[in-house]
Amino acid sequence: MDIREALLAEHSRLQTMKVVGYIDGDADRFAELVRLFLGDEYRVSQRAAAAVGYCVEHRHELVRPYFGKFVAQLEHTDAHPAIRRNILRLLQFVEIPIGFRAKAYDACIGLIDDPNEPVAVRAFAMTVAANIAREHPDLMRELRSIVNAHLGNTTIAFRVRARTILA
């Protein structure tokens, strides 16, 4: 299967799952999918995002070689929000290696604190930041403070996620 062509053929859950089935935990095929996901073609990148997320959700080990690239992508303000949203979505399912936790946490805090970010990005960022901060009371206090600062003027989805994370 040509992954790029398959992603462009149709934008549907069925097509995404065909790509996920083709990858089936194969590291080389997953590497090609990640290359397309992080590439410059918006439509391909957008469609690859869901497939990357599903692959990692079912096979956590696939993401190991890409933590650096994914965390760096969170800091790119010019990247489409769908890229950030899907990276954060998959990061909430995996243990982030110690060497990437500080950068990931800082990126998440910046996204949570930005009212112009889509609510899904901010909600997933809250979960990832909370997963990192659980073992560090100072980080959890910082996260709580930033989230509380936005509770008065945000969406219900943000408030629900905040309540769950901060409980």
N, C-alpha and C. Protein backbone atom coordinates (compact mmCIF):
# COMPACT_ATOMS: atom_id res chain seq x y z
N MET A 1 0.85 -1.19 0.00
CA MET A 1 0.00 0.00 0.00
C MET A 1 0.89 1.24 0.00
N ASP A 2 0.53 2.18 -0.83
CA ASP A 2 1.17 3.49 -0.79
C ASP A 2 0.37 4.32 0.21
N ILE A 3 0.96 4.58 1.37
CA ILE A 3 0.24 5.22 2.47
C ILE A 3 -0.25 6.61 2.06
N ARG A 4 0.57 7.37 1.40
CA ARG A 4 0.19 8.71 0.98
C ARG A 4 -1.03 8.67 0.06
N GLU A 5 -0.98 7.79 -0.92
CA GLU A 5 -2.09 7.66 -1.86
C GLU A 5 -3.37 7.18 -1.15
N ALA A 6 -3.20 6.28 -0.20
CA ALA A 6 -4.36 5.79 0.55
C ALA A 6 -4.98 6.92 1.37
N LEU A 7 -4.15 7.76 1.97
CA LEU A 7 -4.68 8.88 2.75
C LEU A 7 -5.41 9.89 1.86
N LEU A 8 -4.91 10.09 0.66
CA LEU A 8 -5.53 11.04 -0.26
C LEU A 8 -6.76 10.47 -0.97
N ALA A 9 -6.87 9.16 -1.02
CA ALA A 9 -7.96 8.53 -1.76
C ALA A 9 -9.32 8.89 -1.19
N GLU A 10 -9.39 8.95 0.14
CA GLU A 10 -10.69 9.18 0.76
C GLU A 10 -10.46 9.66 2.19
N HIS A 11 -11.28 10.58 2.63
CA HIS A 11 -11.21 11.07 4.01
C HIS A 11 -12.37 10.48 4.79
N SER A 12 -12.11 9.32 5.42
CA SER A 12 -13.16 8.66 6.19
C SER A 12 -12.50 7.82 7.28
N ARG A 13 -13.28 7.48 8.26
CA ARG A 13 -12.79 6.61 9.33
C ARG A 13 -12.40 5.24 8.75
N LEU A 14 -13.20 4.74 7.83
CA LEU A 14 -12.91 3.45 7.22
C LEU A 14 -11.54 3.46 6.53
N GLN A 15 -11.26 4.52 5.79
CA GLN A 15 -9.98 4.62 5.09
C GLN A 15 -8.83 4.75 6.10
N THR A 16 -9.06 5.54 7.15
CA THR A 16 -8.05 5.68 8.20
C THR A 16 -7.74 4.32 8.81
N MET A 17 -8.78 3.55 9.09
CA MET A 17 -8.58 2.24 9.71
C MET A 17 -7.89 1.26 8.76
N LYS A 18 -8.09 1.43 7.46
CA LYS A 18 -7.36 0.60 6.49
C LYS A 18 -5.86 0.89 6.60
N VAL A 19 -5.52 2.17 6.71
CA VAL A 19 -4.10 2.55 6.86
C VAL A 19 -3.55 1.99 8.16
N VAL A 20 -4.31 2.14 9.24
CA VAL A 20 -3.88 1.61 10.55
C VAL A 20 -3.68 0.10 10.47
N GLY A 21 -4.60 -0.59 9.82
CA GLY A 21 -4.47 -2.05 9.65
C GLY A 21 -3.25 -2.42 8.84
N TYR A 22 -2.95 -1.64 7.83
CA TYR A 22 -1.76 -1.90 7.01
C TYR A 22 -0.49 -1.72 7.83
N ILE A 23 -0.45 -0.73 8.67
CA ILE A 23 0.74 -0.48 9.48
C ILE A 23 0.91 -1.59 10.52
N ASP A 24 -0.16 -1.95 11.19
CA ASP A 24 -0.21 -3.11 12.10
C ASP A 24 1.05 -3.28 12.95
N GLY A 25 1.53 -2.18 13.51
CA GLY A 25 2.68 -2.27 14.42
C GLY A 25 4.03 -2.33 13.74
N ASP A 26 4.08 -2.29 12.42
CA ASP A 26 5.35 -2.34 11.69
C ASP A 26 6.07 -1.00 11.81
N ALA A 27 7.27 -1.01 12.38
CA ALA A 27 8.00 0.23 12.66
C ALA A 27 8.35 1.00 11.39
N ASP A 28 8.70 0.31 10.32
CA ASP A 28 9.05 0.99 9.07
C ASP A 28 7.84 1.67 8.44
N ARG A 29 6.71 0.97 8.45
CA ARG A 29 5.49 1.56 7.90
C ARG A 29 5.04 2.74 8.77
N PHE A 30 5.18 2.59 10.09
CA PHE A 30 4.81 3.68 10.98
C PHE A 30 5.73 4.88 10.74
N ALA A 31 7.00 4.64 10.49
CA ALA A 31 7.94 5.74 10.21
C ALA A 31 7.50 6.52 8.98
N GLU A 32 7.02 5.82 7.97
CA GLU A 32 6.52 6.50 6.77
C GLU A 32 5.28 7.33 7.10
N LEU A 33 4.39 6.77 7.91
CA LEU A 33 3.20 7.51 8.31
C LEU A 33 3.57 8.77 9.10
N VAL A 34 4.52 8.67 10.01
CA VAL A 34 4.96 9.84 10.79
C VAL A 34 5.60 10.88 9.87
N ARG A 35 6.37 10.42 8.90
CA ARG A 35 6.98 11.35 7.94
C ARG A 35 5.89 12.15 7.21
N LEU A 36 4.83 11.48 6.82
CA LEU A 36 3.72 12.15 6.14
C LEU A 36 2.97 13.08 7.11
N PHE A 37 2.80 12.62 8.33
CA PHE A 37 2.11 13.40 9.36
C PHE A 37 2.84 14.71 9.65
N LEU A 38 4.16 14.66 9.71
CA LEU A 38 4.95 15.84 10.03
C LEU A 38 5.41 16.60 8.78
N GLY A 39 4.95 16.16 7.63
CA GLY A 39 5.36 16.78 6.37
C GLY A 39 4.66 18.10 6.09
N ASP A 40 4.95 18.65 4.92
CA ASP A 40 4.45 19.97 4.54
C ASP A 40 3.12 19.96 3.80
N GLU A 41 2.63 18.79 3.43
CA GLU A 41 1.36 18.73 2.70
C GLU A 41 0.21 18.72 3.70
N TYR A 42 -0.50 19.82 3.77
CA TYR A 42 -1.54 19.99 4.79
C TYR A 42 -2.56 18.85 4.78
N ARG A 43 -3.14 18.57 3.62
CA ARG A 43 -4.19 17.54 3.55
C ARG A 43 -3.67 16.17 3.96
N VAL A 44 -2.48 15.80 3.50
CA VAL A 44 -1.89 14.51 3.87
C VAL A 44 -1.61 14.48 5.36
N SER A 45 -1.04 15.54 5.87
CA SER A 45 -0.71 15.65 7.28
C SER A 45 -1.96 15.52 8.14
N GLN A 46 -3.00 16.22 7.75
CA GLN A 46 -4.27 16.19 8.48
C GLN A 46 -4.84 14.78 8.51
N ARG A 47 -4.82 14.10 7.40
CA ARG A 47 -5.39 12.75 7.32
C ARG A 47 -4.52 11.71 8.01
N ALA A 48 -3.23 11.94 8.00
CA ALA A 48 -2.32 11.01 8.68
C ALA A 48 -2.43 11.12 10.19
N ALA A 49 -2.87 12.27 10.68
CA ALA A 49 -2.92 12.52 12.12
C ALA A 49 -3.75 11.48 12.87
N ALA A 50 -4.93 11.21 12.38
CA ALA A 50 -5.80 10.25 13.06
C ALA A 50 -5.18 8.86 13.04
N ALA A 51 -4.59 8.48 11.92
CA ALA A 51 -3.97 7.15 11.82
C ALA A 51 -2.81 7.01 12.79
N VAL A 52 -2.00 8.06 12.91
CA VAL A 52 -0.89 8.04 13.88
C VAL A 52 -1.45 7.84 15.29
N GLY A 53 -2.48 8.58 15.63
CA GLY A 53 -3.09 8.46 16.95
C GLY A 53 -3.59 7.07 17.24
N TYR A 54 -4.32 6.47 16.29
CA TYR A 54 -4.83 5.12 16.50
C TYR A 54 -3.70 4.10 16.63
N CYS A 55 -2.68 4.24 15.81
CA CYS A 55 -1.54 3.31 15.89
C CYS A 55 -0.89 3.35 17.27
N VAL A 56 -0.66 4.55 17.78
CA VAL A 56 0.01 4.70 19.07
C VAL A 56 -0.91 4.26 20.22
N GLU A 57 -2.18 4.53 20.08
CA GLU A 57 -3.13 4.14 21.12
C GLU A 57 -3.10 2.63 21.34
N HIS A 58 -2.90 1.88 20.26
CA HIS A 58 -2.90 0.42 20.36
C HIS A 58 -1.50 -0.18 20.50
N ARG A 59 -0.50 0.54 20.08
CA ARG A 59 0.89 0.06 20.17
C ARG A 59 1.77 1.20 20.65
N HIS A 60 1.79 1.41 21.97
CA HIS A 60 2.52 2.53 22.57
C HIS A 60 3.99 2.58 22.17
N GLU A 61 4.59 1.43 21.97
CA GLU A 61 6.03 1.39 21.69
C GLU A 61 6.40 2.06 20.37
N LEU A 62 5.45 2.21 19.47
CA LEU A 62 5.74 2.83 18.17
C LEU A 62 6.20 4.28 18.30
N VAL A 63 5.76 4.97 19.34
CA VAL A 63 6.04 6.40 19.47
C VAL A 63 7.44 6.70 20.00
N ARG A 64 8.09 5.72 20.61
CA ARG A 64 9.39 5.97 21.27
C ARG A 64 10.38 6.77 20.44
N PRO A 65 10.63 6.41 19.19
CA PRO A 65 11.64 7.16 18.43
C PRO A 65 11.22 8.59 18.06
N TYR A 66 9.97 8.96 18.29
CA TYR A 66 9.45 10.23 17.78
C TYR A 66 9.11 11.25 18.86
N PHE A 67 9.40 10.96 20.12
CA PHE A 67 9.07 11.91 21.18
C PHE A 67 9.67 13.29 20.91
N GLY A 68 10.92 13.33 20.53
CA GLY A 68 11.58 14.62 20.28
C GLY A 68 10.88 15.41 19.20
N LYS A 69 10.53 14.74 18.10
CA LYS A 69 9.85 15.42 16.99
C LYS A 69 8.46 15.87 17.40
N PHE A 70 7.76 15.03 18.13
CA PHE A 70 6.39 15.37 18.51
C PHE A 70 6.37 16.53 19.50
N VAL A 71 7.24 16.49 20.49
CA VAL A 71 7.28 17.57 21.47
C VAL A 71 7.70 18.88 20.80
N ALA A 72 8.67 18.82 19.90
CA ALA A 72 9.09 20.02 19.17
C ALA A 72 7.94 20.58 18.34
N GLN A 73 7.13 19.70 17.78
CA GLN A 73 6.00 20.14 16.95
C GLN A 73 4.97 20.91 17.78
N LEU A 74 4.85 20.59 19.06
CA LEU A 74 3.91 21.30 19.93
C LEU A 74 4.28 22.77 20.09
N GLU A 75 5.55 23.07 19.91
CA GLU A 75 6.03 24.44 20.08
C GLU A 75 5.89 25.28 18.81
N HIS A 76 5.56 24.66 17.69
CA HIS A 76 5.42 25.37 16.42
C HIS A 76 4.05 26.02 16.34
N THR A 77 4.02 27.32 16.44
CA THR A 77 2.74 28.02 16.38
C THR A 77 2.19 28.07 14.97
N ASP A 78 3.03 27.81 13.97
CA ASP A 78 2.56 27.84 12.59
C ASP A 78 1.95 26.50 12.15
N ALA A 79 2.11 25.47 12.98
CA ALA A 79 1.52 24.17 12.65
C ALA A 79 0.01 24.23 12.81
N HIS A 80 -0.68 23.47 12.01
CA HIS A 80 -2.14 23.46 12.10
C HIS A 80 -2.56 22.88 13.45
N PRO A 81 -3.61 23.43 14.05
CA PRO A 81 -4.06 22.91 15.35
C PRO A 81 -4.36 21.41 15.35
N ALA A 82 -4.75 20.86 14.22
CA ALA A 82 -5.02 19.42 14.15
C ALA A 82 -3.77 18.60 14.44
N ILE A 83 -2.62 19.13 14.06
CA ILE A 83 -1.37 18.44 14.33
C ILE A 83 -1.12 18.43 15.84
N ARG A 84 -1.23 19.60 16.46
CA ARG A 84 -1.03 19.68 17.92
C ARG A 84 -2.06 18.84 18.66
N ARG A 85 -3.31 18.92 18.23
CA ARG A 85 -4.38 18.18 18.89
C ARG A 85 -4.09 16.67 18.86
N ASN A 86 -3.68 16.16 17.72
CA ASN A 86 -3.45 14.73 17.60
C ASN A 86 -2.19 14.28 18.31
N ILE A 87 -1.16 15.12 18.33
CA ILE A 87 0.03 14.77 19.10
C ILE A 87 -0.33 14.71 20.58
N LEU A 88 -1.05 15.70 21.06
CA LEU A 88 -1.44 15.71 22.48
C LEU A 88 -2.36 14.54 22.80
N ARG A 89 -3.26 14.22 21.88
CA ARG A 89 -4.17 13.09 22.09
C ARG A 89 -3.38 11.81 22.31
N LEU A 90 -2.36 11.57 21.50
CA LEU A 90 -1.60 10.34 21.65
C LEU A 90 -0.66 10.39 22.86
N LEU A 91 -0.15 11.57 23.20
CA LEU A 91 0.75 11.68 24.35
C LEU A 91 0.04 11.39 25.66
N GLN A 92 -1.28 11.53 25.69
CA GLN A 92 -1.98 11.24 26.94
C GLN A 92 -2.05 9.74 27.22
N PHE A 93 -1.76 8.90 26.22
CA PHE A 93 -1.83 7.45 26.39
C PHE A 93 -0.48 6.82 26.73
N VAL A 94 0.60 7.58 26.65
CA VAL A 94 1.93 6.98 26.80
C VAL A 94 2.72 7.65 27.92
N GLU A 95 3.70 6.94 28.41
CA GLU A 95 4.62 7.49 29.40
C GLU A 95 5.67 8.30 28.64
N ILE A 96 5.74 9.57 28.92
CA ILE A 96 6.72 10.43 28.25
C ILE A 96 8.06 10.24 28.93
N PRO A 97 9.11 9.95 28.17
CA PRO A 97 10.43 9.76 28.78
C PRO A 97 10.88 11.00 29.54
N ILE A 98 11.63 10.79 30.59
CA ILE A 98 12.08 11.87 31.48
C ILE A 98 12.73 13.01 30.71
N GLY A 99 13.53 12.70 29.73
CA GLY A 99 14.24 13.72 28.98
C GLY A 99 13.35 14.67 28.19
N PHE A 100 12.09 14.29 27.97
CA PHE A 100 11.17 15.12 27.20
C PHE A 100 10.08 15.75 28.05
N ARG A 101 9.99 15.38 29.31
CA ARG A 101 8.88 15.84 30.15
C ARG A 101 8.87 17.34 30.36
N ALA A 102 10.01 17.95 30.61
CA ALA A 102 10.04 19.39 30.87
C ALA A 102 9.55 20.18 29.65
N LYS A 103 10.07 19.83 28.48
CA LYS A 103 9.65 20.53 27.25
C LYS A 103 8.18 20.29 26.96
N ALA A 104 7.74 19.05 27.16
CA ALA A 104 6.33 18.73 26.90
C ALA A 104 5.43 19.49 27.87
N TYR A 105 5.82 19.53 29.15
CA TYR A 105 5.03 20.24 30.14
C TYR A 105 4.95 21.74 29.80
N ASP A 106 6.09 22.33 29.50
CA ASP A 106 6.12 23.76 29.15
C ASP A 106 5.26 24.06 27.93
N ALA A 107 5.34 23.19 26.92
CA ALA A 107 4.53 23.39 25.71
C ALA A 107 3.05 23.28 26.06
N CYS A 108 2.69 22.32 26.90
CA CYS A 108 1.29 22.16 27.29
C CYS A 108 0.79 23.37 28.07
N ILE A 109 1.59 23.87 28.98
CA ILE A 109 1.20 25.05 29.76
C ILE A 109 0.95 26.24 28.82
N GLY A 110 1.82 26.42 27.85
CA GLY A 110 1.64 27.50 26.88
C GLY A 110 0.35 27.35 26.08
N LEU A 111 0.02 26.13 25.71
CA LEU A 111 -1.21 25.89 24.94
C LEU A 111 -2.45 26.09 25.81
N ILE A 112 -2.40 25.62 27.04
CA ILE A 112 -3.54 25.81 27.95
C ILE A 112 -3.79 27.29 28.20
N ASP A 113 -2.72 28.03 28.33
CA ASP A 113 -2.80 29.45 28.67
C ASP A 113 -3.17 30.34 27.48
N ASP A 114 -3.24 29.77 26.29
CA ASP A 114 -3.55 30.54 25.09
C ASP A 114 -5.04 30.42 24.75
N PRO A 115 -5.83 31.44 25.02
CA PRO A 115 -7.27 31.35 24.76
C PRO A 115 -7.61 31.25 23.28
N ASN A 116 -6.64 31.49 22.40
CA ASN A 116 -6.90 31.37 20.97
C ASN A 116 -6.73 29.95 20.45
N GLU A 117 -6.19 29.06 21.28
CA GLU A 117 -6.06 27.66 20.88
C GLU A 117 -7.44 27.01 20.92
N PRO A 118 -7.71 26.10 20.01
CA PRO A 118 -8.99 25.38 20.07
C PRO A 118 -9.12 24.62 21.39
N VAL A 119 -10.34 24.48 21.85
CA VAL A 119 -10.58 23.87 23.16
C VAL A 119 -10.07 22.43 23.22
N ALA A 120 -10.13 21.68 22.13
CA ALA A 120 -9.64 20.31 22.15
C ALA A 120 -8.13 20.27 22.40
N VAL A 121 -7.39 21.18 21.79
CA VAL A 121 -5.95 21.26 22.02
C VAL A 121 -5.69 21.57 23.49
N ARG A 122 -6.41 22.53 24.03
CA ARG A 122 -6.21 22.92 25.43
C ARG A 122 -6.60 21.79 26.38
N ALA A 123 -7.66 21.07 26.07
CA ALA A 123 -8.10 19.98 26.93
C ALA A 123 -7.09 18.84 26.94
N PHE A 124 -6.62 18.44 25.77
CA PHE A 124 -5.61 17.37 25.72
C PHE A 124 -4.32 17.83 26.39
N ALA A 125 -3.97 19.10 26.22
CA ALA A 125 -2.77 19.64 26.87
C ALA A 125 -2.90 19.58 28.39
N MET A 126 -4.10 19.81 28.90
CA MET A 126 -4.33 19.70 30.34
C MET A 126 -4.05 18.29 30.83
N THR A 127 -4.53 17.30 30.09
CA THR A 127 -4.33 15.91 30.48
C THR A 127 -2.85 15.54 30.46
N VAL A 128 -2.15 15.92 29.41
CA VAL A 128 -0.73 15.60 29.30
C VAL A 128 0.06 16.29 30.41
N ALA A 129 -0.22 17.57 30.63
CA ALA A 129 0.47 18.32 31.69
C ALA A 129 0.18 17.70 33.06
N ALA A 130 -1.06 17.31 33.30
CA ALA A 130 -1.40 16.69 34.58
C ALA A 130 -0.70 15.35 34.77
N ASN A 131 -0.60 14.58 33.70
CA ASN A 131 0.12 13.29 33.79
C ASN A 131 1.58 13.51 34.17
N ILE A 132 2.18 14.54 33.64
CA ILE A 132 3.57 14.86 33.97
C ILE A 132 3.67 15.42 35.39
N ALA A 133 2.72 16.26 35.77
CA ALA A 133 2.79 16.98 37.06
C ALA A 133 2.38 16.14 38.26
N ARG A 134 1.76 15.02 38.06
CA ARG A 134 1.26 14.21 39.19
C ARG A 134 2.31 13.92 40.24
N GLU A 135 3.52 13.71 39.84
CA GLU A 135 4.59 13.38 40.78
C GLU A 135 5.34 14.62 41.29
N HIS A 136 4.91 15.79 40.87
CA HIS A 136 5.61 17.02 41.23
C HIS A 136 4.60 18.07 41.73
N PRO A 137 4.46 18.19 43.04
CA PRO A 137 3.46 19.11 43.60
C PRO A 137 3.59 20.55 43.10
N ASP A 138 4.80 21.03 42.89
CA ASP A 138 4.97 22.40 42.40
C ASP A 138 4.39 22.57 41.00
N LEU A 139 4.61 21.59 40.14
CA LEU A 139 4.06 21.66 38.78
C LEU A 139 2.54 21.57 38.82
N MET A 140 2.02 20.73 39.70
CA MET A 140 0.56 20.60 39.81
C MET A 140 -0.06 21.90 40.31
N ARG A 141 0.61 22.59 41.23
CA ARG A 141 0.11 23.90 41.69
C ARG A 141 0.11 24.90 40.54
N GLU A 142 1.19 24.90 39.75
CA GLU A 142 1.25 25.80 38.61
C GLU A 142 0.13 25.50 37.61
N LEU A 143 -0.07 24.23 37.31
CA LEU A 143 -1.12 23.83 36.39
C LEU A 143 -2.49 24.26 36.91
N ARG A 144 -2.73 24.00 38.18
CA ARG A 144 -4.00 24.38 38.82
C ARG A 144 -4.23 25.88 38.70
N SER A 145 -3.19 26.66 38.93
CA SER A 145 -3.29 28.12 38.87
C SER A 145 -3.64 28.60 37.47
N ILE A 146 -2.98 28.05 36.47
CA ILE A 146 -3.23 28.46 35.09
C ILE A 146 -4.62 28.05 34.64
N VAL A 147 -5.00 26.84 34.97
CA VAL A 147 -6.34 26.37 34.59
C VAL A 147 -7.41 27.21 35.27
N ASN A 148 -7.25 27.45 36.56
CA ASN A 148 -8.23 28.25 37.31
C ASN A 148 -8.36 29.66 36.75
N ALA A 149 -7.28 30.22 36.24
CA ALA A 149 -7.32 31.57 35.67
C ALA A 149 -8.22 31.64 34.44
N HIS A 150 -8.45 30.51 33.79
CA HIS A 150 -9.25 30.49 32.56
C HIS A 150 -10.67 29.96 32.76
N LEU A 151 -10.98 29.48 33.94
CA LEU A 151 -12.29 28.85 34.15
C LEU A 151 -13.46 29.82 33.96
N GLY A 152 -13.29 31.07 34.28
CA GLY A 152 -14.38 32.02 34.20
C GLY A 152 -14.79 32.41 32.80
N ASN A 153 -13.89 32.25 31.85
CA ASN A 153 -14.21 32.73 30.49
C ASN A 153 -13.82 31.70 29.43
N THR A 154 -14.30 30.48 29.60
CA THR A 154 -13.99 29.45 28.64
C THR A 154 -15.21 28.57 28.40
N THR A 155 -15.03 27.52 27.62
CA THR A 155 -16.14 26.66 27.24
C THR A 155 -16.44 25.62 28.32
N ILE A 156 -17.60 25.02 28.19
CA ILE A 156 -17.99 23.95 29.11
C ILE A 156 -17.02 22.79 29.00
N ALA A 157 -16.59 22.47 27.79
CA ALA A 157 -15.65 21.36 27.60
C ALA A 157 -14.35 21.60 28.38
N PHE A 158 -13.86 22.81 28.36
CA PHE A 158 -12.65 23.15 29.10
C PHE A 158 -12.90 22.97 30.60
N ARG A 159 -14.05 23.45 31.09
CA ARG A 159 -14.35 23.35 32.52
C ARG A 159 -14.51 21.90 32.96
N VAL A 160 -15.14 21.09 32.13
CA VAL A 160 -15.33 19.67 32.48
C VAL A 160 -13.98 18.97 32.56
N ARG A 161 -13.12 19.22 31.59
CA ARG A 161 -11.78 18.59 31.62
C ARG A 161 -11.01 19.10 32.83
N ALA A 162 -11.11 20.37 33.11
CA ALA A 162 -10.40 20.96 34.26
C ALA A 162 -10.86 20.29 35.56
N ARG A 163 -12.16 20.12 35.71
CA ARG A 163 -12.69 19.48 36.91
C ARG A 163 -12.14 18.06 37.05
N THR A 164 -12.11 17.32 35.96
CA THR A 164 -11.60 15.95 35.98
C THR A 164 -10.12 15.92 36.33
N ILE A 165 -9.34 16.78 35.71
CA ILE A 165 -7.89 16.80 35.89
C ILE A 165 -7.51 17.28 37.28
N LEU A 166 -8.20 18.29 37.77
CA LEU A 166 -7.80 18.91 39.03
C LEU A 166 -8.43 18.25 40.26
N ALA A 167 -9.29 17.28 40.04
CA ALA A 167 -9.94 16.61 41.19
C ALA A 167 -8.96 15.82 42.02
